[in-house]
């Protein structure tokens, strides 16, 4: 309940979660958006074999052309998701490193 739109904004949920431990995550808006998109795409692959619905793309309009189709996972798309996940892990690591717990 501490995160508005928490079902989609997974990056912000992580920020809130770690804030409960006194850790402040710093993640760019671009990385956060790609992190959120990668989470949604993971769920679509896992639960619907990659078929996107119109609801899936409400927050990610750049995927609109694949509504009703299987989303192609290109090297470029996969790299952008990989980079977003790495950015989140680095943000967590930096936050721990700079915290009082170090």
PDB file of N, CA and C in Angstrom:
ATOM      1  N   UNK A   1       0.814  -1.204   0.000  1.00  0.00           N
ATOM      2  CA  UNK A   1       0.000   0.000   0.000  1.00  0.00           C
ATOM      3  C   UNK A   1       0.854   1.263   0.000  1.00  0.00           C
ATOM      4  N   UNK A   2       2.136   1.123   0.265  1.00  0.00           N
ATOM      5  CA  UNK A   2       3.020   2.281   0.297  1.00  0.00           C
ATOM      6  C   UNK A   2       3.457   2.727  -1.090  1.00  0.00           C
ATOM      7  N   UNK A   3       3.129   1.948  -2.103  1.00  0.00           N
ATOM      8  CA  UNK A   3       3.562   2.252  -3.463  1.00  0.00           C
ATOM      9  C   UNK A   3       2.354   2.415  -4.367  1.00  0.00           C
ATOM     10  N   UNK A   4       2.160   3.622  -4.866  1.00  0.00           N
ATOM     11  CA  UNK A   4       1.073   3.850  -5.811  1.00  0.00           C
ATOM     12  C   UNK A   4       1.344   3.041  -7.072  1.00  0.00           C
ATOM     13  N   UNK A   5       0.306   2.367  -7.582  1.00  0.00           N
ATOM     14  CA  UNK A   5       0.431   1.551  -8.790  1.00  0.00           C
ATOM     15  C   UNK A   5       1.502   0.476  -8.612  1.00  0.00           C
ATOM     16  N   UNK A   6       1.535  -0.136  -7.432  1.00  0.00           N
ATOM     17  CA  UNK A   6       2.583  -1.095  -7.088  1.00  0.00           C
ATOM     18  C   UNK A   6       2.587  -2.359  -7.909  1.00  0.00           C
ATOM     19  N   UNK A   7       1.473  -2.693  -8.552  1.00  0.00           N
ATOM     20  CA  UNK A   7       1.448  -3.881  -9.391  1.00  0.00           C
ATOM     21  C   UNK A   7       2.259  -3.722 -10.646  1.00  0.00           C
ATOM     22  N   UNK A   8       2.421  -2.483 -11.090  1.00  0.00           N
ATOM     23  CA  UNK A   8       3.181  -2.211 -12.308  1.00  0.00           C
ATOM     24  C   UNK A   8       4.538  -1.620 -11.981  1.00  0.00           C
ATOM     25  N   UNK A   9       4.590  -0.757 -10.984  1.00  0.00           N
ATOM     26  CA  UNK A   9       5.828  -0.045 -10.658  1.00  0.00           C
ATOM     27  C   UNK A   9       6.672  -0.857  -9.675  1.00  0.00           C
ATOM     28  N   UNK A  10       7.232  -1.924 -10.192  1.00  0.00           N
ATOM     29  CA  UNK A  10       8.038  -2.826  -9.379  1.00  0.00           C
ATOM     30  C   UNK A  10       9.293  -2.110  -8.876  1.00  0.00           C
ATOM     31  N   UNK A  11       9.864  -1.242  -9.691  1.00  0.00           N
ATOM     32  CA  UNK A  11      11.066  -0.511  -9.282  1.00  0.00           C
ATOM     33  C   UNK A  11      10.776   0.333  -8.042  1.00  0.00           C
ATOM     34  N   UNK A  12       9.657   1.013  -8.024  1.00  0.00           N
ATOM     35  CA  UNK A  12       9.317   1.835  -6.864  1.00  0.00           C
ATOM     36  C   UNK A  12       9.013   0.956  -5.651  1.00  0.00           C
ATOM     37  N   UNK A  13       8.431  -0.204  -5.883  1.00  0.00           N
ATOM     38  CA  UNK A  13       8.218  -1.135  -4.768  1.00  0.00           C
ATOM     39  C   UNK A  13       9.542  -1.531  -4.135  1.00  0.00           C
ATOM     40  N   UNK A  14      10.565  -1.718  -4.954  1.00  0.00           N
ATOM     41  CA  UNK A  14      11.893  -2.046  -4.431  1.00  0.00           C
ATOM     42  C   UNK A  14      12.456  -0.873  -3.622  1.00  0.00           C
ATOM     43  N   UNK A  15      12.267   0.344  -4.129  1.00  0.00           N
ATOM     44  CA  UNK A  15      12.732   1.536  -3.416  1.00  0.00           C
ATOM     45  C   UNK A  15      12.067   1.609  -2.040  1.00  0.00           C
ATOM     46  N   UNK A  16      10.750   1.407  -2.008  1.00  0.00           N
ATOM     47  CA  UNK A  16      10.016   1.446  -0.738  1.00  0.00           C
ATOM     48  C   UNK A  16      10.469   0.322   0.183  1.00  0.00           C
ATOM     49  N   UNK A  17      10.584  -0.880  -0.356  1.00  0.00           N
ATOM     50  CA  UNK A  17      11.000  -2.023   0.452  1.00  0.00           C
ATOM     51  C   UNK A  17      12.339  -1.762   1.136  1.00  0.00           C
ATOM     52  N   UNK A  18      13.329  -1.323   0.372  1.00  0.00           N
ATOM     53  CA  UNK A  18      14.649  -1.106   0.949  1.00  0.00           C
ATOM     54  C   UNK A  18      14.667   0.106   1.873  1.00  0.00           C
ATOM     55  N   UNK A  19      13.773   1.058   1.658  1.00  0.00           N
ATOM     56  CA  UNK A  19      13.706   2.219   2.557  1.00  0.00           C
ATOM     57  C   UNK A  19      13.303   1.793   3.963  1.00  0.00           C
ATOM     58  N   UNK A  20      12.544   0.717   4.079  1.00  0.00           N
ATOM     59  CA  UNK A  20      12.158   0.203   5.400  1.00  0.00           C
ATOM     60  C   UNK A  20      13.382  -0.237   6.208  1.00  0.00           C
ATOM     61  N   UNK A  21      14.477  -0.533   5.511  1.00  0.00           N
ATOM     62  CA  UNK A  21      15.720  -0.936   6.163  1.00  0.00           C
ATOM     63  C   UNK A  21      16.719   0.218   6.237  1.00  0.00           C
ATOM     64  N   UNK A  22      16.244   1.421   5.922  1.00  0.00           N
ATOM     65  CA  UNK A  22      17.103   2.600   5.961  1.00  0.00           C
ATOM     66  C   UNK A  22      18.021   2.720   4.770  1.00  0.00           C
ATOM     67  N   UNK A  23      17.720   2.032   3.690  1.00  0.00           N
ATOM     68  CA  UNK A  23      18.553   2.071   2.488  1.00  0.00           C
ATOM     69  C   UNK A  23      17.843   2.873   1.400  1.00  0.00           C
ATOM     70  N   UNK A  24      18.582   3.776   0.767  1.00  0.00           N
ATOM     71  CA  UNK A  24      18.010   4.623  -0.275  1.00  0.00           C
ATOM     72  C   UNK A  24      18.552   4.209  -1.638  1.00  0.00           C
ATOM     73  N   UNK A  25      17.668   3.669  -2.479  1.00  0.00           N
ATOM     74  CA  UNK A  25      18.078   3.242  -3.819  1.00  0.00           C
ATOM     75  C   UNK A  25      17.999   4.422  -4.778  1.00  0.00           C
ATOM     76  N   UNK A  26      19.020   4.565  -5.605  1.00  0.00           N
ATOM     77  CA  UNK A  26      19.057   5.591  -6.642  1.00  0.00           C
ATOM     78  C   UNK A  26      19.029   4.891  -8.000  1.00  0.00           C
ATOM     79  N   UNK A  27      17.917   5.056  -8.726  1.00  0.00           N
ATOM     80  CA  UNK A  27      17.750   4.409 -10.022  1.00  0.00           C
ATOM     81  C   UNK A  27      17.180   5.442 -10.984  1.00  0.00           C
ATOM     82  N   UNK A  28      17.759   5.540 -12.165  1.00  0.00           N
ATOM     83  CA  UNK A  28      17.256   6.512 -13.136  1.00  0.00           C
ATOM     84  C   UNK A  28      15.843   6.146 -13.573  1.00  0.00           C
ATOM     85  N   UNK A  29      15.101   7.127 -14.039  1.00  0.00           N
ATOM     86  CA  UNK A  29      13.733   6.897 -14.509  1.00  0.00           C
ATOM     87  C   UNK A  29      13.725   5.939 -15.694  1.00  0.00           C
ATOM     88  N   UNK A  30      14.719   6.031 -16.546  1.00  0.00           N
ATOM     89  CA  UNK A  30      14.799   5.143 -17.718  1.00  0.00           C
ATOM     90  C   UNK A  30      15.018   3.697 -17.266  1.00  0.00           C
ATOM     91  N   UNK A  31      15.958   3.490 -16.352  1.00  0.00           N
ATOM     92  CA  UNK A  31      16.224   2.140 -15.847  1.00  0.00           C
ATOM     93  C   UNK A  31      15.012   1.591 -15.103  1.00  0.00           C
ATOM     94  N   UNK A  32      14.350   2.441 -14.314  1.00  0.00           N
ATOM     95  CA  UNK A  32      13.159   2.008 -13.582  1.00  0.00           C
ATOM     96  C   UNK A  32      12.058   1.580 -14.537  1.00  0.00           C
ATOM     97  N   UNK A  33      11.844   2.352 -15.601  1.00  0.00           N
ATOM     98  CA  UNK A  33      10.801   2.006 -16.578  1.00  0.00           C
ATOM     99  C   UNK A  33      11.113   0.677 -17.266  1.00  0.00           C
ATOM    100  N   UNK A  34      12.364   0.473 -17.659  1.00  0.00           N
ATOM    101  CA  UNK A  34      12.745  -0.786 -18.313  1.00  0.00           C
ATOM    102  C   UNK A  34      12.664  -1.953 -17.333  1.00  0.00           C
ATOM    103  N   UNK A  35      12.999  -1.706 -16.064  1.00  0.00           N
ATOM    104  CA  UNK A  35      12.887  -2.736 -15.039  1.00  0.00           C
ATOM    105  C   UNK A  35      11.421  -3.159 -14.894  1.00  0.00           C
ATOM    106  N   UNK A  36      10.536  -2.172 -14.860  1.00  0.00           N
ATOM    107  CA  UNK A  36       9.103  -2.452 -14.753  1.00  0.00           C
ATOM    108  C   UNK A  36       8.599  -3.198 -15.989  1.00  0.00           C
ATOM    109  N   UNK A  37       9.041  -2.757 -17.158  1.00  0.00           N
ATOM    110  CA  UNK A  37       8.634  -3.420 -18.401  1.00  0.00           C
ATOM    111  C   UNK A  37       9.122  -4.862 -18.419  1.00  0.00           C
ATOM    112  N   UNK A  38      10.357  -5.077 -17.999  1.00  0.00           N
ATOM    113  CA  UNK A  38      10.896  -6.444 -18.003  1.00  0.00           C
ATOM    114  C   UNK A  38      10.099  -7.346 -17.068  1.00  0.00           C
ATOM    115  N   UNK A  39       9.646  -6.813 -15.957  1.00  0.00           N
ATOM    116  CA  UNK A  39       8.831  -7.589 -15.029  1.00  0.00           C
ATOM    117  C   UNK A  39       7.497  -7.965 -15.666  1.00  0.00           C
ATOM    118  N   UNK A  40       6.877  -7.000 -16.343  1.00  0.00           N
ATOM    119  CA  UNK A  40       5.605  -7.266 -17.017  1.00  0.00           C
ATOM    120  C   UNK A  40       5.794  -8.312 -18.120  1.00  0.00           C
ATOM    121  N   UNK A  41       6.855  -8.172 -18.911  1.00  0.00           N
ATOM    122  CA  UNK A  41       7.114  -9.113 -20.000  1.00  0.00           C
ATOM    123  C   UNK A  41       7.386 -10.505 -19.436  1.00  0.00           C
ATOM    124  N   UNK A  42       8.111 -10.586 -18.356  1.00  0.00           N
ATOM    125  CA  UNK A  42       8.346 -11.878 -17.708  1.00  0.00           C
ATOM    126  C   UNK A  42       7.032 -12.533 -17.325  1.00  0.00           C
ATOM    127  N   UNK A  43       6.119 -11.770 -16.757  1.00  0.00           N
ATOM    128  CA  UNK A  43       4.823 -12.318 -16.366  1.00  0.00           C
ATOM    129  C   UNK A  43       4.012 -12.768 -17.582  1.00  0.00           C
ATOM    130  N   UNK A  44       4.074 -11.991 -18.653  1.00  0.00           N
ATOM    131  CA  UNK A  44       3.348 -12.341 -19.882  1.00  0.00           C
ATOM    132  C   UNK A  44       3.907 -13.634 -20.471  1.00  0.00           C
ATOM    133  N   UNK A  45       5.226 -13.766 -20.479  1.00  0.00           N
ATOM    134  CA  UNK A  45       5.839 -14.997 -20.996  1.00  0.00           C
ATOM    135  C   UNK A  45       5.452 -16.186 -20.122  1.00  0.00           C
ATOM    136  N   UNK A  46       5.531 -15.999 -18.834  1.00  0.00           N
ATOM    137  CA  UNK A  46       5.275 -17.090 -17.894  1.00  0.00           C
ATOM    138  C   UNK A  46       3.813 -17.529 -17.881  1.00  0.00           C
ATOM    139  N   UNK A  47       2.896 -16.570 -17.919  1.00  0.00           N
ATOM    140  CA  UNK A  47       1.486 -16.890 -17.735  1.00  0.00           C
ATOM    141  C   UNK A  47       0.663 -16.938 -19.026  1.00  0.00           C
ATOM    142  N   UNK A  48       1.163 -16.279 -20.092  1.00  0.00           N
ATOM    143  CA  UNK A  48       0.373 -16.245 -21.323  1.00  0.00           C
ATOM    144  C   UNK A  48       1.213 -16.525 -22.565  1.00  0.00           C
ATOM    145  N   UNK A  49       2.304 -17.233 -22.390  1.00  0.00           N
ATOM    146  CA  UNK A  49       3.151 -17.660 -23.517  1.00  0.00           C
ATOM    147  C   UNK A  49       3.610 -16.497 -24.389  1.00  0.00           C
ATOM    148  N   UNK A  50       3.711 -15.307 -23.816  1.00  0.00           N
ATOM    149  CA  UNK A  50       4.238 -14.156 -24.535  1.00  0.00           C
ATOM    150  C   UNK A  50       3.214 -13.309 -25.263  1.00  0.00           C
ATOM    151  N   UNK A  51       1.937 -13.679 -25.201  1.00  0.00           N
ATOM    152  CA  UNK A  51       0.901 -12.894 -25.888  1.00  0.00           C
ATOM    153  C   UNK A  51       0.541 -11.665 -25.067  1.00  0.00           C
ATOM    154  N   UNK A  52       0.707 -10.494 -25.667  1.00  0.00           N
ATOM    155  CA  UNK A  52       0.403  -9.232 -24.990  1.00  0.00           C
ATOM    156  C   UNK A  52      -1.065  -8.868 -25.150  1.00  0.00           C
ATOM    157  N   UNK A  53      -1.644  -8.331 -24.077  1.00  0.00           N
ATOM    158  CA  UNK A  53      -3.005  -7.804 -24.140  1.00  0.00           C
ATOM    159  C   UNK A  53      -2.938  -6.278 -24.139  1.00  0.00           C
ATOM    160  N   UNK A  54      -4.055  -5.641 -24.419  1.00  0.00           N
ATOM    161  CA  UNK A  54      -4.093  -4.181 -24.411  1.00  0.00           C
ATOM    162  C   UNK A  54      -3.817  -3.645 -23.013  1.00  0.00           C
ATOM    163  N   UNK A  55      -4.206  -4.384 -21.996  1.00  0.00           N
ATOM    164  CA  UNK A  55      -3.929  -3.958 -20.613  1.00  0.00           C
ATOM    165  C   UNK A  55      -2.426  -3.972 -20.323  1.00  0.00           C
ATOM    166  N   UNK A  56      -1.715  -4.931 -20.899  1.00  0.00           N
ATOM    167  CA  UNK A  56      -0.270  -5.024 -20.673  1.00  0.00           C
ATOM    168  C   UNK A  56       0.469  -3.786 -21.161  1.00  0.00           C
ATOM    169  N   UNK A  57       0.015  -3.222 -22.250  1.00  0.00           N
ATOM    170  CA  UNK A  57       0.756  -2.114 -22.863  1.00  0.00           C
ATOM    171  C   UNK A  57       0.270  -0.740 -22.413  1.00  0.00           C
ATOM    172  N   UNK A  58      -0.694  -0.675 -21.517  1.00  0.00           N
ATOM    173  CA  UNK A  58      -1.172   0.624 -21.026  1.00  0.00           C
ATOM    174  C   UNK A  58      -0.023   1.453 -20.466  1.00  0.00           C
ATOM    175  N   UNK A  59       0.870   0.840 -19.746  1.00  0.00           N
ATOM    176  CA  UNK A  59       2.003   1.548 -19.151  1.00  0.00           C
ATOM    177  C   UNK A  59       3.260   1.497 -20.003  1.00  0.00           C
ATOM    178  N   UNK A  60       3.221   0.730 -21.072  1.00  0.00           N
ATOM    179  CA  UNK A  60       4.377   0.582 -21.950  1.00  0.00           C
ATOM    180  C   UNK A  60       3.917   0.694 -23.407  1.00  0.00           C
ATOM    181  N   UNK A  61       3.519   1.882 -23.828  1.00  0.00           N
ATOM    182  CA  UNK A  61       2.924   2.058 -25.161  1.00  0.00           C
ATOM    183  C   UNK A  61       3.846   1.695 -26.323  1.00  0.00           C
ATOM    184  N   UNK A  62       5.154   1.661 -26.093  1.00  0.00           N
ATOM    185  CA  UNK A  62       6.070   1.275 -27.170  1.00  0.00           C
ATOM    186  C   UNK A  62       5.886  -0.178 -27.588  1.00  0.00           C
ATOM    187  N   UNK A  63       5.162  -0.954 -26.785  1.00  0.00           N
ATOM    188  CA  UNK A  63       4.889  -2.358 -27.110  1.00  0.00           C
ATOM    189  C   UNK A  63       3.528  -2.541 -27.788  1.00  0.00           C
ATOM    190  N   UNK A  64       2.843  -1.450 -28.046  1.00  0.00           N
ATOM    191  CA  UNK A  64       1.474  -1.487 -28.556  1.00  0.00           C
ATOM    192  C   UNK A  64       1.315  -2.275 -29.855  1.00  0.00           C
ATOM    193  N   UNK A  65       2.295  -2.251 -30.715  1.00  0.00           N
ATOM    194  CA  UNK A  65       2.162  -2.930 -32.007  1.00  0.00           C
ATOM    195  C   UNK A  65       2.080  -4.454 -31.879  1.00  0.00           C
ATOM    196  N   UNK A  66       2.393  -4.997 -30.695  1.00  0.00           N
ATOM    197  CA  UNK A  66       2.348  -6.444 -30.505  1.00  0.00           C
ATOM    198  C   UNK A  66       1.144  -6.920 -29.699  1.00  0.00           C
ATOM    199  N   UNK A  67       0.157  -6.057 -29.480  1.00  0.00           N
ATOM    200  CA  UNK A  67      -1.051  -6.476 -28.765  1.00  0.00           C
ATOM    201  C   UNK A  67      -1.708  -7.615 -29.534  1.00  0.00           C
ATOM    202  N   UNK A  68      -2.018  -8.684 -28.828  1.00  0.00           N
ATOM    203  CA  UNK A  68      -2.642  -9.851 -29.448  1.00  0.00           C
ATOM    204  C   UNK A  68      -1.669 -10.783 -30.120  1.00  0.00           C
ATOM    205  N   UNK A  69      -0.392 -10.454 -30.058  1.00  0.00           N
ATOM    206  CA  UNK A  69       0.643 -11.278 -30.674  1.00  0.00           C
ATOM    207  C   UNK A  69       1.687 -11.650 -29.633  1.00  0.00           C
ATOM    208  N   UNK A  70       2.556 -12.567 -30.015  1.00  0.00           N
ATOM    209  CA  UNK A  70       3.685 -12.913 -29.156  1.00  0.00           C
ATOM    210  C   UNK A  70       4.739 -11.821 -29.308  1.00  0.00           C
ATOM    211  N   UNK A  71       5.158 -11.262 -28.191  1.00  0.00           N
ATOM    212  CA  UNK A  71       6.180 -10.218 -28.198  1.00  0.00           C
ATOM    213  C   UNK A  71       7.519 -10.818 -28.601  1.00  0.00           C
ATOM    214  N   UNK A  72       8.137 -10.291 -29.657  1.00  0.00           N
ATOM    215  CA  UNK A  72       9.460 -10.814 -30.025  1.00  0.00           C
ATOM    216  C   UNK A  72      10.515 -10.333 -29.037  1.00  0.00           C
ATOM    217  N   UNK A  73      11.328 -11.252 -28.583  1.00  0.00           N
ATOM    218  CA  UNK A  73      12.420 -10.900 -27.676  1.00  0.00           C
ATOM    219  C   UNK A  73      13.686 -10.791 -28.519  1.00  0.00           C
ATOM    220  N   UNK A  74      13.960  -9.581 -28.934  1.00  0.00           N
ATOM    221  CA  UNK A  74      15.142  -9.313 -29.750  1.00  0.00           C
ATOM    222  C   UNK A  74      16.360  -9.148 -28.845  1.00  0.00           C
ATOM    223  N   UNK A  75      17.521  -9.182 -29.447  1.00  0.00           N
ATOM    224  CA  UNK A  75      18.754  -8.950 -28.693  1.00  0.00           C
ATOM    225  C   UNK A  75      18.720  -7.575 -28.043  1.00  0.00           C
ATOM    226  N   UNK A  76      18.253  -6.584 -28.774  1.00  0.00           N
ATOM    227  CA  UNK A  76      18.171  -5.224 -28.235  1.00  0.00           C
ATOM    228  C   UNK A  76      17.230  -5.163 -27.021  1.00  0.00           C
ATOM    229  N   UNK A  77      16.068  -5.784 -27.131  1.00  0.00           N
ATOM    230  CA  UNK A  77      15.107  -5.793 -26.022  1.00  0.00           C
ATOM    231  C   UNK A  77      15.692  -6.536 -24.819  1.00  0.00           C
ATOM    232  N   UNK A  78      16.274  -7.695 -25.067  1.00  0.00           N
ATOM    233  CA  UNK A  78      16.854  -8.476 -23.987  1.00  0.00           C
ATOM    234  C   UNK A  78      17.984  -7.711 -23.296  1.00  0.00           C
ATOM    235  N   UNK A  79      18.821  -7.044 -24.077  1.00  0.00           N
ATOM    236  CA  UNK A  79      19.905  -6.246 -23.500  1.00  0.00           C
ATOM    237  C   UNK A  79      19.369  -5.098 -22.651  1.00  0.00           C
ATOM    238  N   UNK A  80      18.289  -4.456 -23.092  1.00  0.00           N
ATOM    239  CA  UNK A  80      17.727  -3.348 -22.316  1.00  0.00           C
ATOM    240  C   UNK A  80      17.169  -3.860 -20.988  1.00  0.00           C
ATOM    241  N   UNK A  81      16.551  -5.033 -20.981  1.00  0.00           N
ATOM    242  CA  UNK A  81      16.045  -5.614 -19.744  1.00  0.00           C
ATOM    243  C   UNK A  81      17.208  -6.030 -18.841  1.00  0.00           C
ATOM    244  N   UNK A  82      18.211  -6.644 -19.430  1.00  0.00           N
ATOM    245  CA  UNK A  82      19.399  -7.043 -18.672  1.00  0.00           C
ATOM    246  C   UNK A  82      20.038  -5.831 -17.999  1.00  0.00           C
ATOM    247  N   UNK A  83      20.206  -4.741 -18.759  1.00  0.00           N
ATOM    248  CA  UNK A  83      20.820  -3.529 -18.218  1.00  0.00           C
ATOM    249  C   UNK A  83      19.988  -2.932 -17.089  1.00  0.00           C
ATOM    250  N   UNK A  84      18.676  -3.009 -17.192  1.00  0.00           N
ATOM    251  CA  UNK A  84      17.797  -2.485 -16.135  1.00  0.00           C
ATOM    252  C   UNK A  84      17.921  -3.322 -14.866  1.00  0.00           C
ATOM    253  N   UNK A  85      17.987  -4.643 -15.015  1.00  0.00           N
ATOM    254  CA  UNK A  85      18.142  -5.516 -13.849  1.00  0.00           C
ATOM    255  C   UNK A  85      19.508  -5.279 -13.201  1.00  0.00           C
ATOM    256  N   UNK A  86      20.536  -5.126 -14.013  1.00  0.00           N
ATOM    257  CA  UNK A  86      21.871  -4.827 -13.483  1.00  0.00           C
ATOM    258  C   UNK A  86      21.852  -3.494 -12.745  1.00  0.00           C
ATOM    259  N   UNK A  87      21.197  -2.482 -13.325  1.00  0.00           N
ATOM    260  CA  UNK A  87      21.111  -1.166 -12.675  1.00  0.00           C
ATOM    261  C   UNK A  87      20.435  -1.272 -11.312  1.00  0.00           C
ATOM    262  N   UNK A  88      19.383  -2.092 -11.211  1.00  0.00           N
ATOM    263  CA  UNK A  88      18.706  -2.279  -9.926  1.00  0.00           C
ATOM    264  C   UNK A  88      19.649  -2.946  -8.921  1.00  0.00           C
ATOM    265  N   UNK A  89      20.344  -3.979  -9.345  1.00  0.00           N
ATOM    266  CA  UNK A  89      21.262  -4.660  -8.435  1.00  0.00           C
ATOM    267  C   UNK A  89      22.412  -3.747  -8.003  1.00  0.00           C
ATOM    268  N   UNK A  90      22.903  -2.942  -8.909  1.00  0.00           N
ATOM    269  CA  UNK A  90      23.966  -1.995  -8.559  1.00  0.00           C
ATOM    270  C   UNK A  90      23.436  -0.953  -7.576  1.00  0.00           C
ATOM    271  N   UNK A  91      22.208  -0.476  -7.788  1.00  0.00           N
ATOM    272  CA  UNK A  91      21.603   0.496  -6.870  1.00  0.00           C
ATOM    273  C   UNK A  91      21.482  -0.098  -5.469  1.00  0.00           C
ATOM    274  N   UNK A  92      21.087  -1.357  -5.393  1.00  0.00           N
ATOM    275  CA  UNK A  92      20.977  -2.026  -4.092  1.00  0.00           C
ATOM    276  C   UNK A  92      22.365  -2.154  -3.458  1.00  0.00           C
ATOM    277  N   UNK A  93      23.337  -2.608  -4.224  1.00  0.00           N
ATOM    278  CA  UNK A  93      24.690  -2.792  -3.704  1.00  0.00           C
ATOM    279  C   UNK A  93      25.278  -1.457  -3.232  1.00  0.00           C
ATOM    280  N   UNK A  94      25.124  -0.401  -4.020  1.00  0.00           N
ATOM    281  CA  UNK A  94      25.636   0.914  -3.632  1.00  0.00           C
ATOM    282  C   UNK A  94      24.966   1.406  -2.358  1.00  0.00           C
ATOM    283  N   UNK A  95      23.677   1.181  -2.267  1.00  0.00           N
ATOM    284  CA  UNK A  95      22.936   1.620  -1.099  1.00  0.00           C
ATOM    285  C   UNK A  95      23.433   0.922   0.160  1.00  0.00           C
ATOM    286  N   UNK A  96      23.660  -0.364   0.060  1.00  0.00           N
ATOM    287  CA  UNK A  96      24.186  -1.117   1.207  1.00  0.00           C
ATOM    288  C   UNK A  96      25.602  -0.641   1.525  1.00  0.00           C
ATOM    289  N   UNK A  97      26.416  -0.479   0.510  1.00  0.00           N
ATOM    290  CA  UNK A  97      27.804  -0.067   0.699  1.00  0.00           C
ATOM    291  C   UNK A  97      27.899   1.281   1.409  1.00  0.00           C
ATOM    292  N   UNK A  98      27.002   2.225   1.033  1.00  0.00           N
ATOM    293  CA  UNK A  98      27.029   3.581   1.588  1.00  0.00           C
ATOM    294  C   UNK A  98      26.253   3.702   2.885  1.00  0.00           C
ATOM    295  N   UNK A  99      25.652   2.624   3.345  1.00  0.00           N
ATOM    296  CA  UNK A  99      24.794   2.681   4.538  1.00  0.00           C
ATOM    297  C   UNK A  99      25.608   2.543   5.820  1.00  0.00           C
ATOM    298  N   UNK A 100      24.913   2.686   6.906  1.00  0.00           N
ATOM    299  CA  UNK A 100      25.514   2.520   8.226  1.00  0.00           C
ATOM    300  C   UNK A 100      25.852   1.067   8.521  1.00  0.00           C
ATOM    301  N   UNK A 101      25.335   0.138   7.701  1.00  0.00           N
ATOM    302  CA  UNK A 101      25.550  -1.287   7.933  1.00  0.00           C
ATOM    303  C   UNK A 101      26.876  -1.778   7.378  1.00  0.00           C
ATOM    304  N   UNK A 102      27.556  -0.922   6.634  1.00  0.00           N
ATOM    305  CA  UNK A 102      28.801  -1.305   6.002  1.00  0.00           C
ATOM    306  C   UNK A 102      29.924  -1.345   7.021  1.00  0.00           C
TER     307      UNK A 102
END
